[in-house]
Protein backbone atom coordinates (compact mmCIF):
# COMPACT_ATOMS: atom_id res chain seq x y z
CA MET A 1 3.34 -3.74 -6.53
CA LEU A 2 0.60 -0.77 -6.57
CA ILE A 3 -1.73 -1.47 -9.57
CA GLY A 4 -2.20 -5.08 -8.01
CA THR A 5 -3.03 -3.88 -4.85
CA SER A 6 -5.21 -1.19 -6.55
CA GLN A 7 -3.22 1.96 -5.35
CA LEU A 8 -2.75 2.55 -9.01
CA PRO A 9 -4.52 5.10 -10.71
CA LYS A 10 -6.60 5.37 -7.42
CA LEU A 11 -4.29 7.27 -5.34
CA ASN A 12 -2.05 8.53 -8.31
CA ALA A 13 -2.33 12.16 -6.67
CA ASP A 14 -1.07 11.25 -3.39
CA ARG A 15 1.68 9.12 -4.26
CA TYR A 16 5.42 9.70 -3.44
CA GLY A 17 8.17 9.20 -6.11
CA LEU A 18 10.85 10.34 -9.00
CA ALA A 19 9.71 12.70 -10.96
CA ASN A 20 9.53 10.37 -13.90
CA GLY A 21 6.96 8.33 -11.99
CA GLU A 22 9.06 4.79 -12.83
CA LEU A 23 10.14 4.14 -9.14
CA LEU A 24 7.45 5.26 -6.23
CA LEU A 25 6.93 5.16 -2.43
CA ALA A 26 4.23 2.95 -1.16
CA ALA A 27 1.27 4.71 0.00
CA ASP A 28 0.29 2.26 2.53
CA LEU A 29 1.96 -0.84 4.40
CA GLU A 30 -0.47 -3.28 2.47
CA VAL A 31 0.99 -2.64 -0.93
CA PRO A 32 4.35 -4.90 0.17
CA VAL A 33 3.20 -7.12 2.81
CA THR A 34 0.46 -8.46 0.17
CA ASN A 35 3.37 -8.47 -2.53
CA LEU A 36 5.03 -11.23 -0.05
CA ILE A 37 2.90 -13.93 -1.24
CA VAL A 38 2.23 -12.06 -4.82
CA GLU A 39 1.26 -15.20 -7.33
CA GLU A 40 1.21 -17.52 -4.71
CA ILE A 41 -2.10 -19.69 -4.53
CA LEU A 42 -2.21 -20.69 -0.41
CA ALA A 43 -3.09 -24.26 0.69
CA VAL A 44 -5.78 -23.77 3.10
CA VAL A 45 -3.85 -25.83 5.39
CA ASP A 46 -1.35 -23.15 5.69
CA LEU A 47 -3.68 -20.80 6.40
CA PRO A 48 -4.12 -18.00 7.96
CA GLU A 49 -0.67 -16.51 7.16
CA ASN A 50 -0.06 -13.92 9.81
CA PHE A 51 2.89 -11.19 8.98
CA VAL A 52 4.13 -7.73 11.01
CA ALA A 53 5.68 -5.30 9.39
CA SER A 54 6.17 -1.73 10.04
CA THR A 55 6.72 0.92 7.31
CA PRO A 56 7.13 4.99 7.23
CA CYS A 57 4.67 5.36 4.67
CA PHE A 58 4.08 8.20 2.42
CA ARG A 59 1.33 9.61 0.74
CA ALA A 60 0.41 13.65 0.26
CA ARG A 61 -2.71 14.50 2.29
CA ALA A 62 -2.54 17.93 2.30
CA GLY A 63 -5.42 19.19 5.00
CA ILE A 64 -6.51 15.63 6.56
CA ALA A 65 -4.40 16.16 9.56
CA GLY A 66 -6.89 16.63 12.80
CA ARG A 67 -9.68 15.96 11.36
CA LYS A 68 -12.36 13.90 13.06
CA PRO A 69 -13.32 10.00 11.73
CA ALA A 70 -16.65 10.20 9.60
CA GLY A 71 -18.99 8.31 11.26
């Protein structure tokens, strides 16, 4: 899941999981939502697909809290 949504290896340092790396917690909501329809080809007549989800995301980002957004 994480490789298919480009979370790994890009966010490897920001991940939480088991020490052996076999199981990881999703860093962002798009990981589980994107994988709801993984390996499916959607017909145009079925679009748009709408999803609603809530999750406590887990990402180690030391020092980012309280910073102003760029731009």
